[in-house]
Protein backbone atom coordinates (compact mmCIF):
# COMPACT_ATOMS: atom_id res chain seq x y z
CA MET A 1 87.76 165.69 32.79
CA LYS A 2 90.03 163.51 30.66
CA GLY A 3 88.06 164.20 27.55
CA PHE A 4 85.13 163.50 25.00
CA ILE A 5 84.94 160.12 23.64
CA ASN A 6 82.50 158.41 21.20
CA ARG A 7 80.51 155.39 21.45
CA GLU A 8 83.13 152.93 20.38
CA ASP A 9 85.82 154.38 22.75
CA PHE A 10 83.14 153.91 25.56
CA LYS A 11 82.86 150.18 25.16
CA LYS A 12 86.65 149.81 25.89
CA TYR A 13 85.79 150.86 29.51
CA VAL A 14 83.24 148.38 30.31
CA LYS A 15 84.19 144.99 31.45
CA SER A 16 82.50 141.81 32.37
CA GLY A 17 82.08 141.50 36.11
CA MET A 18 82.08 145.10 36.84
CA ARG A 19 80.09 146.91 39.63
CA ILE A 20 78.32 149.91 37.86
CA MET A 21 76.06 152.63 39.12
CA VAL A 22 73.41 153.77 36.62
CA GLY A 23 71.80 156.96 37.06
CA GLY A 24 67.96 157.70 36.49
CA PHE A 25 64.63 156.99 37.98
CA LEU A 26 62.89 154.50 35.69
CA SER A 27 63.78 155.81 32.39
CA ASN A 28 63.98 159.58 33.44
CA GLY A 29 67.67 160.37 33.32
CA SER A 30 68.79 157.06 32.41
CA PRO A 31 71.87 156.89 30.19
CA ASP A 32 70.16 154.62 27.57
CA TYR A 33 72.62 155.58 24.84
CA LEU A 34 75.41 153.94 26.92
CA ILE A 35 73.35 150.95 27.86
CA ASP A 36 72.65 150.38 24.26
CA ALA A 37 76.37 150.41 23.55
CA ILE A 38 76.93 147.94 26.38
CA LEU A 39 74.34 145.71 24.67
CA GLU A 40 76.53 145.69 21.47
CA THR A 41 79.44 144.18 23.35
CA GLU A 42 79.68 140.70 25.00
CA VAL A 43 79.91 142.21 28.56
CA LYS A 44 78.03 140.20 31.13
CA ASP A 45 78.03 139.27 34.96
CA LEU A 46 77.51 142.95 35.94
CA THR A 47 76.49 144.18 39.40
CA ILE A 48 74.14 147.10 38.83
CA ILE A 49 73.44 149.54 41.38
CA CYS A 50 70.39 151.69 40.39
CA ASN A 51 67.00 153.24 41.73
CA ASP A 52 65.03 150.32 39.93
CA GLY A 53 65.07 147.43 37.39
CA GLY A 54 63.88 149.93 34.62
CA PHE A 55 61.45 148.66 32.18
CA GLU A 56 61.70 145.72 29.80
CA ASP A 57 62.67 147.92 26.90
CA LYS A 58 64.10 151.01 28.77
CA GLY A 59 66.93 151.76 31.18
CA VAL A 60 68.78 148.94 32.91
CA GLY A 61 65.80 146.73 32.11
CA LYS A 62 67.30 146.00 28.65
CA LEU A 63 70.40 144.70 30.36
CA ILE A 64 68.44 142.54 32.56
CA VAL A 65 66.41 141.19 29.69
CA ALA A 66 69.51 140.36 27.88
CA HIS A 67 70.83 138.49 30.81
CA ARG A 68 73.86 140.79 31.19
CA VAL A 69 73.28 141.42 34.96
CA LYS A 70 74.18 139.03 37.74
CA THR A 71 73.29 141.12 40.77
CA LEU A 72 70.89 144.12 40.82
CA ILE A 73 71.03 146.53 43.89
CA ALA A 74 67.83 148.58 43.64
CA SER A 75 64.76 149.99 45.47
CA HIS A 76 62.24 148.22 43.29
CA ILE A 77 61.77 145.91 40.31
CA GLY A 78 58.04 145.88 39.87
CA THR A 79 58.16 147.85 36.53
CA ASN A 80 60.19 144.98 34.96
CA PRO A 81 58.45 141.59 35.06
CA THR A 82 61.58 139.98 33.61
CA ALA A 83 63.51 140.98 36.61
CA GLY A 84 60.89 139.32 38.82
CA THR A 85 61.14 136.25 37.00
CA GLN A 86 64.91 136.06 36.91
CA MET A 87 64.82 136.65 40.56
CA GLN A 88 62.55 133.77 41.19
CA ASP A 89 64.50 131.23 38.97
CA GLY A 90 67.69 132.37 40.68
CA SER A 91 69.33 133.70 37.55
CA LEU A 92 69.35 137.31 38.91
CA ASN A 93 70.43 138.17 42.57
CA VAL A 94 68.19 141.05 43.69
CA ILE A 95 69.30 143.09 46.77
CA LEU A 96 66.24 145.43 47.59
CA VAL A 97 67.12 148.66 49.53
CA PRO A 98 65.01 151.31 50.74
CA GLN A 99 65.31 154.22 48.46
CA GLY A 100 66.43 156.73 50.97
CA THR A 101 68.93 154.10 52.27
CA LEU A 102 70.22 153.49 48.95
CA VAL A 103 71.01 157.24 48.15
CA GLU A 104 72.42 157.79 51.46
CA GLN A 105 74.83 154.76 51.09
CA ILE A 106 76.06 156.13 47.87
CA ARG A 107 76.39 159.56 49.34
CA ALA A 108 78.51 158.18 52.20
CA ASP A 109 80.96 156.75 49.92
CA GLY A 110 81.37 160.05 48.05
CA ALA A 111 81.62 161.86 51.25
CA GLY A 112 84.25 159.30 52.67
CA LEU A 113 81.91 158.21 55.61
CA GLY A 114 82.26 154.80 57.08
CA GLY A 115 78.36 154.09 56.69
CA ILE A 116 75.13 155.61 57.80
CA LEU A 117 72.74 155.01 60.73
CA THR A 118 68.99 154.56 59.87
CA PRO A 119 66.01 153.18 61.72
CA THR A 120 64.61 151.97 58.40
CA GLY A 121 64.28 148.19 58.35
CA LEU A 122 64.72 147.64 61.99
CA ASN A 123 63.04 144.33 63.02
CA THR A 124 62.45 143.31 59.49
CA ILE A 125 64.51 141.13 57.08
CA VAL A 126 66.28 144.22 56.06
CA GLN A 127 68.21 143.96 59.37
CA ASP A 128 69.37 140.28 58.75
CA GLY A 129 73.11 140.23 59.03
CA LYS A 130 73.52 143.83 59.80
CA THR A 131 75.07 145.58 62.86
CA VAL A 132 72.55 147.54 65.13
CA ILE A 133 73.88 150.39 67.02
CA ARG A 134 72.26 152.14 69.96
CA VAL A 135 72.37 155.97 70.03
CA LYS A 136 70.89 157.99 72.90
CA GLY A 137 68.48 155.19 73.50
CA LYS A 138 67.44 154.48 69.98
CA ASP A 139 68.51 151.59 67.57
CA TYR A 140 69.76 152.12 64.22
CA LEU A 141 71.17 149.79 61.51
CA LEU A 142 74.59 150.47 60.18
CA GLU A 143 74.38 150.74 56.49
CA GLU A 144 77.85 150.43 54.70
CA PRO A 145 78.79 152.85 51.82
CA LEU A 146 78.20 151.63 48.24
CA HIS A 147 80.93 152.03 45.68
CA ALA A 148 81.26 151.15 42.12
CA ASP A 149 83.87 150.66 39.60
CA LEU A 150 82.01 152.73 36.86
CA ALA A 151 79.08 155.27 37.12
CA LEU A 152 77.07 156.10 34.02
CA LEU A 153 75.20 159.36 34.06
CA GLY A 154 72.30 160.31 31.79
CA GLY A 155 70.02 163.18 31.18
CA ALA A 156 72.79 165.72 31.10
CA ILE A 157 74.06 168.80 29.13
CA ALA A 158 77.83 169.42 29.17
CA ASP A 159 80.02 172.42 28.52
CA LYS A 160 83.29 172.13 26.77
CA PHE A 161 85.11 171.41 29.97
CA GLY A 162 82.83 168.56 31.10
CA ASN A 163 80.75 170.42 33.75
CA LEU A 164 77.11 169.08 33.79
CA ARG A 165 73.67 170.25 34.26
CA TYR A 166 70.60 168.08 34.18
CA ARG A 167 67.27 168.42 32.52
CA LYS A 168 64.77 169.16 35.30
CA THR A 169 64.01 165.78 37.13
CA MET A 170 66.46 164.01 35.26
CA ARG A 171 68.97 165.07 38.00
CA ASN A 172 67.75 162.45 40.34
CA PHE A 173 70.48 159.81 41.12
CA ASN A 174 72.89 161.10 38.67
CA PRO A 175 74.90 163.80 40.74
CA ILE A 176 75.43 161.57 43.73
CA MET A 177 76.75 158.51 41.84
CA ALA A 178 79.39 160.75 40.12
CA MET A 179 80.94 160.91 43.64
CA ALA A 180 80.83 157.10 44.35
CA ALA A 181 82.85 155.50 41.46
CA ASP A 182 86.34 154.80 40.22
CA LEU A 183 85.42 155.94 36.75
CA VAL A 184 82.51 158.41 35.76
CA ILE A 185 81.21 158.59 32.19
CA ALA A 186 78.36 160.84 31.20
CA SER A 187 75.98 160.53 28.21
CA VAL A 188 74.99 163.96 27.11
CA SER A 189 72.31 165.21 24.64
CA GLU A 190 74.09 168.55 24.04
CA VAL A 191 77.42 170.15 24.35
CA VAL A 192 77.40 174.07 24.81
CA GLU A 193 80.42 176.48 25.24
CA ALA A 194 79.74 177.22 28.93
CA ILE A 195 77.35 176.58 31.63
CA ASP A 196 76.31 179.37 34.01
CA PRO A 197 78.30 178.53 37.22
CA GLU A 198 75.14 178.78 39.31
CA CYS A 199 73.68 176.07 37.16
CA ILE A 200 76.41 173.51 37.32
CA ILE A 201 75.34 170.39 39.23
CA THR A 202 78.27 168.18 38.61
CA GLN A 203 81.62 169.73 38.30
CA TYR A 204 84.19 168.53 35.66
CA PRO A 205 86.63 167.19 38.12
CA LEU A 206 84.16 164.39 38.99
CA VAL A 207 83.55 163.50 35.41
CA ASP A 208 86.16 161.28 33.58
CA PHE A 209 84.61 161.11 30.14
CA VAL A 210 81.75 162.67 28.18
CA VAL A 211 79.91 160.93 25.38
CA ARG A 212 77.76 162.93 23.14
CA GLU A 213 74.62 161.26 21.97
CA GLU A 214 74.19 160.56 18.34
CA ARG A 215 70.94 159.32 17.16
C-alpha cells in the first residue's frame, strides 16, 4: 500500500473518461463515500463496471443520475429508472452481462487469463459478435477479461498496513475487483491496529490507497 489519503487527495486520482470498477451489490458494500467525492468534481464520461445500476440516490446510480457515466457494464439496471431512461434515449450505453459471467471476466483479468469459456448466452443476443469455441462436443462463448483504470472498494475495515476485511455480505464484488485494476482505492469505515491474518480478505499489496470515511 502507498498510504492513507483523504477525500480531497482521492479526487486527484479520478479523471474524465476513466474505466472504473465499483464494488458493491446495489448499495451493500458500495463505496458511496468515494462516489460522493466524485460528484464534487467535474469528472464525466466514465465507463463504470459494477454489478448493477444502483438506486437513483445510492451507489453508482448517483453518478448515472448526474450524467457522469457514458457506459455502464453491469448485470441489471432495474432498480434505477433513470438508467433505463438514459439507455432508451441513447445518453447511456448499457452493456448487460450475466452476473456469473461478469465476475468471472473480472477474475480472469486478475488471474492473468486470456478469457473464460461459458455456455451462458449461447444462441441469444449475448452471443452477437463473440467467438464460439467447441470443447469436447460442446459449444462455449469466449468472454474476454475485464480490466479497469481504477477500482473503488467499499464496505471494508482496514488495518494500519492497508489489509482489508469486509463487513459480512459487503464482501461481494470488492475483493475480485481489487485484482483487476491499475489503481485500487478502498473506502473504509474503520481503521484498526491489526486484523487477524485469518480474517484478511484483500491483502495490502493489492491496495494502493485507503480513504477513511468522515461523516
